[in-house]
């Protein structure tokens, strides 16, 4: 079994409440009243459509949208300390098993220190990802995924948006999507992932299935977190 790669927010970690609050805060701070006023986390799919950097261009220009998401990332990083937990409970065991076997990686648009701290709340050092690539490392998501495919033989990227599906395909990885994250099922279906998993329990079962048959004692890639 080859290395699996996961997105973080919306896949391994449920940050929807924080994302919604920080969206509202960024909208107010930047006085971008043209952006939709989201009533709650159920409205997040409205703005998480397609490629993230272009998802707000229905209401504001591209450069403004880029500045908005940068501010949003800053606010969500600051608010991460108030999160009740790090990894979604159903996924703690499967991640530990992956770490002990073929290894796994995380490629995320969040900040490196924030993601590592949240992962470490529920995972031992031995269960942490072998590779963690964030917005703080150079290159786009497709570039990072392509590098993992080339260097470590990564074959699958698990994400929660249509943009994640497209990045996976561009990098030559098989896209798997989860329906419990930020995007709507319609957006995900339109992107055409190879598989769409409904719940964290479904993702956990999928990981266990992937682990079945992995040769015990196969060397895992060296850590670079």
Protein backbone atom coordinates (compact mmCIF):
# COMPACT_ATOMS: atom_id res chain seq x y z
CA UNK A 1 0.00 0.00 0.00
CA UNK A 2 1.31 3.45 -0.95
CA UNK A 3 1.19 6.59 1.15
CA UNK A 4 -2.23 8.27 1.51
CA UNK A 5 -2.57 12.04 1.61
CA UNK A 6 -5.29 13.95 3.48
CA UNK A 7 -6.56 17.49 3.61
CA UNK A 8 -6.91 18.68 7.21
CA UNK A 9 -9.83 21.07 7.79
CA UNK A 10 -13.11 19.38 6.97
CA UNK A 11 -11.48 15.94 6.63
CA UNK A 12 -9.38 15.09 9.70
CA UNK A 13 -10.54 18.05 11.80
CA UNK A 14 -13.99 19.62 12.11
CA UNK A 15 -13.31 23.36 11.96
CA UNK A 16 -16.59 24.44 10.42
CA UNK A 17 -17.77 26.47 13.42
CA UNK A 18 -14.45 28.31 13.61
CA UNK A 19 -14.39 28.88 9.85
CA UNK A 20 -17.90 30.34 9.91
CA UNK A 21 -17.15 32.69 12.83
CA UNK A 22 -13.92 33.88 11.23
CA UNK A 23 -15.62 34.37 7.87
CA UNK A 24 -18.13 36.66 9.53
CA UNK A 25 -15.37 38.48 11.42
CA UNK A 26 -13.25 38.97 8.29
CA UNK A 27 -16.28 40.20 6.36
CA UNK A 28 -16.97 42.79 9.07
CA UNK A 29 -13.36 43.86 9.57
CA UNK A 30 -12.81 44.38 5.83
CA UNK A 31 -16.31 45.88 5.40
CA UNK A 32 -17.01 43.57 2.47
CA UNK A 33 -20.76 43.85 2.63
CA UNK A 34 -21.06 42.51 -0.91
CA UNK A 35 -20.10 39.09 0.43
CA UNK A 36 -23.01 36.97 1.65
CA UNK A 37 -23.91 37.14 5.33
CA UNK A 38 -23.78 33.50 6.41
CA UNK A 39 -26.35 32.50 9.03
CA UNK A 40 -24.35 29.51 10.26
CA UNK A 41 -22.14 26.60 9.32
CA UNK A 42 -24.83 25.22 7.04
CA UNK A 43 -24.20 28.18 4.71
CA UNK A 44 -20.47 27.49 4.27
CA UNK A 45 -21.02 25.54 1.01
CA UNK A 46 -22.22 28.81 -0.52
CA UNK A 47 -18.69 30.24 -0.42
CA UNK A 48 -16.71 26.98 -0.64
CA UNK A 49 -17.37 26.30 -4.30
CA UNK A 50 -14.82 25.50 -6.96
CA UNK A 51 -11.27 26.83 -6.51
CA UNK A 52 -11.03 28.65 -3.18
CA UNK A 53 -9.19 31.68 -4.56
CA UNK A 54 -11.98 32.18 -7.10
CA UNK A 55 -14.93 31.18 -4.93
CA UNK A 56 -15.82 34.74 -3.93
CA UNK A 57 -15.46 36.34 -7.35
CA UNK A 58 -19.23 36.28 -7.79
CA UNK A 59 -19.30 39.18 -5.32
CA UNK A 60 -15.81 40.77 -5.23
CA UNK A 61 -12.74 40.96 -7.43
CA UNK A 62 -10.07 38.26 -7.43
CA UNK A 63 -7.45 40.31 -5.57
CA UNK A 64 -9.96 41.28 -2.89
CA UNK A 65 -10.97 37.64 -2.55
CA UNK A 66 -7.31 36.66 -2.10
CA UNK A 67 -6.87 39.26 0.64
CA UNK A 68 -10.05 38.08 2.30
CA UNK A 69 -8.91 34.44 2.45
CA UNK A 70 -5.52 35.53 3.76
CA UNK A 71 -7.22 37.44 6.56
CA UNK A 72 -9.53 34.50 7.16
CA UNK A 73 -6.50 32.20 7.55
CA UNK A 74 -4.96 34.58 10.08
CA UNK A 75 -8.15 34.70 12.13
CA UNK A 76 -8.72 30.95 12.07
CA UNK A 77 -5.13 30.33 13.19
CA UNK A 78 -5.62 32.64 16.18
CA UNK A 79 -8.92 31.00 17.10
CA UNK A 80 -7.59 27.43 16.90
CA UNK A 81 -6.62 27.39 20.58
CA UNK A 82 -10.32 27.44 21.47
CA UNK A 83 -11.15 24.31 19.46
CA UNK A 84 -12.57 21.57 21.73
CA UNK A 85 -10.42 18.87 20.08
CA UNK A 86 -8.02 18.22 17.23
CA UNK A 87 -8.65 15.07 15.19
CA UNK A 88 -12.19 13.77 14.61
CA UNK A 89 -12.46 10.87 17.13
CA UNK A 90 -13.30 8.13 14.60
CA UNK A 91 -10.09 8.89 12.70
CA UNK A 92 -7.55 8.74 15.52
CA UNK A 93 -7.11 4.96 15.36
CA UNK A 94 -6.89 4.69 11.56
CA UNK A 95 -4.28 7.48 11.41
CA UNK A 96 -2.17 5.73 14.04
CA UNK A 97 -2.41 2.50 12.04
CA UNK A 98 -1.42 4.28 8.83
CA UNK A 99 1.54 5.91 10.57
CA UNK A 100 2.73 2.51 11.78
CA UNK A 101 2.39 1.04 8.29
CA UNK A 102 2.76 2.79 4.96
CA UNK A 103 2.70 6.29 6.45
CA UNK A 104 0.45 9.20 5.54
CA UNK A 105 0.78 12.87 4.69
CA UNK A 106 -1.29 16.00 5.22
CA UNK A 107 -1.49 18.79 2.63
CA UNK A 108 -3.50 21.76 3.85
CA UNK A 109 -4.23 25.40 3.20
CA UNK A 110 -3.99 26.20 6.92
CA UNK A 111 -0.88 27.30 8.80
CA UNK A 112 1.72 24.65 9.67
CA UNK A 113 2.00 25.38 13.41
CA UNK A 114 -1.79 25.47 13.83
CA UNK A 115 -2.34 22.12 12.12
CA UNK A 116 0.53 20.41 13.92
CA UNK A 117 -0.72 21.62 17.31
CA UNK A 118 -4.25 20.37 16.62
CA UNK A 119 -3.02 16.99 15.40
CA UNK A 120 -0.83 16.63 18.49
CA UNK A 121 -3.84 17.00 20.79
CA UNK A 122 -5.04 13.51 19.88
CA UNK A 123 -2.08 11.78 18.20
CA UNK A 124 1.15 10.54 19.74
CA UNK A 125 4.37 11.59 18.04
CA UNK A 126 4.54 8.15 16.42
CA UNK A 127 1.05 8.62 14.95
CA UNK A 128 1.70 12.05 13.43
CA UNK A 129 1.90 12.42 9.63
CA UNK A 130 5.23 11.66 8.03
CA UNK A 131 4.85 14.77 5.89
CA UNK A 132 2.91 17.94 6.74
CA UNK A 133 2.74 20.59 4.02
CA UNK A 134 0.82 23.80 4.65
CA UNK A 135 0.27 27.28 3.26
CA UNK A 136 3.61 28.22 4.88
CA UNK A 137 5.58 26.03 2.46
CA UNK A 138 6.13 27.30 -1.10
CA UNK A 139 4.09 26.04 -4.01
CA UNK A 140 0.44 25.36 -4.69
CA UNK A 141 -1.51 22.34 -3.52
CA UNK A 142 -1.19 20.54 -6.85
CA UNK A 143 2.58 21.06 -6.82
CA UNK A 144 2.86 19.63 -3.30
CA UNK A 145 0.72 16.62 -4.18
CA UNK A 146 2.75 15.96 -7.31
CA UNK A 147 5.95 16.08 -5.25
CA UNK A 148 4.52 13.52 -2.80
CA UNK A 149 3.57 11.27 -5.69
CA UNK A 150 7.06 11.50 -7.16
CA UNK A 151 9.09 11.23 -3.96
CA UNK A 152 6.95 8.90 -1.82
CA UNK A 153 4.64 7.12 -4.24
CA UNK A 154 1.47 8.77 -2.90
CA UNK A 155 -1.58 7.57 -4.80
CA UNK A 156 -4.69 9.15 -3.21
CA UNK A 157 -5.70 12.56 -1.89
CA UNK A 158 -8.71 12.79 0.43
CA UNK A 159 -10.35 16.23 0.45
CA UNK A 160 -13.66 17.89 1.17
CA UNK A 161 -14.11 20.36 -1.71
CA UNK A 162 -14.37 20.27 -5.47
CA UNK A 163 -11.11 22.19 -5.53
CA UNK A 164 -9.39 19.33 -3.68
CA UNK A 165 -10.67 16.88 -6.27
CA UNK A 166 -9.26 18.99 -9.09
CA UNK A 167 -5.90 19.44 -7.35
CA UNK A 168 -5.62 15.67 -6.88
CA UNK A 169 -6.31 14.97 -10.54
CA UNK A 170 -3.87 17.66 -11.67
CA UNK A 171 -1.16 15.97 -9.58
CA UNK A 172 -1.92 12.49 -10.89
CA UNK A 173 -3.50 11.24 -7.65
CA UNK A 174 -6.84 9.51 -7.28
CA UNK A 175 -9.34 11.94 -5.67
CA UNK A 176 -11.49 10.77 -2.77
CA UNK A 177 -13.94 13.24 -1.20
CA UNK A 178 -15.83 13.41 2.09
CA UNK A 179 -19.31 14.88 2.29
CA UNK A 180 -19.11 16.07 5.92
CA UNK A 181 -16.71 18.97 5.29
CA UNK A 182 -17.06 22.44 3.81
CA UNK A 183 -18.53 21.88 0.35
CA UNK A 184 -21.96 20.71 -0.68
CA UNK A 185 -22.59 17.24 -2.05
CA UNK A 186 -23.58 18.89 -5.33
CA UNK A 187 -20.21 20.65 -5.66
CA UNK A 188 -18.38 17.44 -4.86
CA UNK A 189 -20.45 15.34 -7.25
CA UNK A 190 -19.87 17.87 -10.03
CA UNK A 191 -16.11 17.58 -9.49
CA UNK A 192 -16.37 13.80 -9.94
CA UNK A 193 -14.24 12.17 -7.21
CA UNK A 194 -13.41 8.50 -7.57
CA UNK A 195 -15.24 7.91 -4.29
CA UNK A 196 -17.49 10.01 -2.04
CA UNK A 197 -17.62 9.09 1.66
CA UNK A 198 -20.51 10.35 3.77
CA UNK A 199 -19.22 10.32 7.37
CA UNK A 200 -15.98 10.17 9.39
CA UNK A 201 -16.89 6.56 10.21
CA UNK A 202 -16.99 5.84 6.47
CA UNK A 203 -13.53 7.36 6.04
CA UNK A 204 -12.23 5.33 8.98
CA UNK A 205 -13.61 2.14 7.43
CA UNK A 206 -12.11 3.09 4.06
CA UNK A 207 -8.70 3.57 5.68
CA UNK A 208 -8.94 0.20 7.42
CA UNK A 209 -9.82 -1.44 4.13
CA UNK A 210 -6.80 0.16 2.50
CA UNK A 211 -4.63 -1.14 5.31
CA UNK A 212 -5.81 -4.70 4.82
CA UNK A 213 -3.14 -6.64 3.04
CA UNK A 214 -0.39 -4.11 3.73
CA UNK A 215 2.78 -6.06 4.42
CA UNK A 216 3.60 -5.92 8.14
CA UNK A 217 6.83 -4.18 8.83
CA UNK A 218 7.05 -2.34 5.52
CA UNK A 219 9.30 0.72 5.94
CA UNK A 220 7.52 4.04 6.30
CA UNK A 221 8.95 7.21 4.76
CA UNK A 222 11.08 9.39 7.05
CA UNK A 223 9.24 12.10 8.92
CA UNK A 224 9.37 15.72 7.77
CA UNK A 225 6.91 17.56 9.98
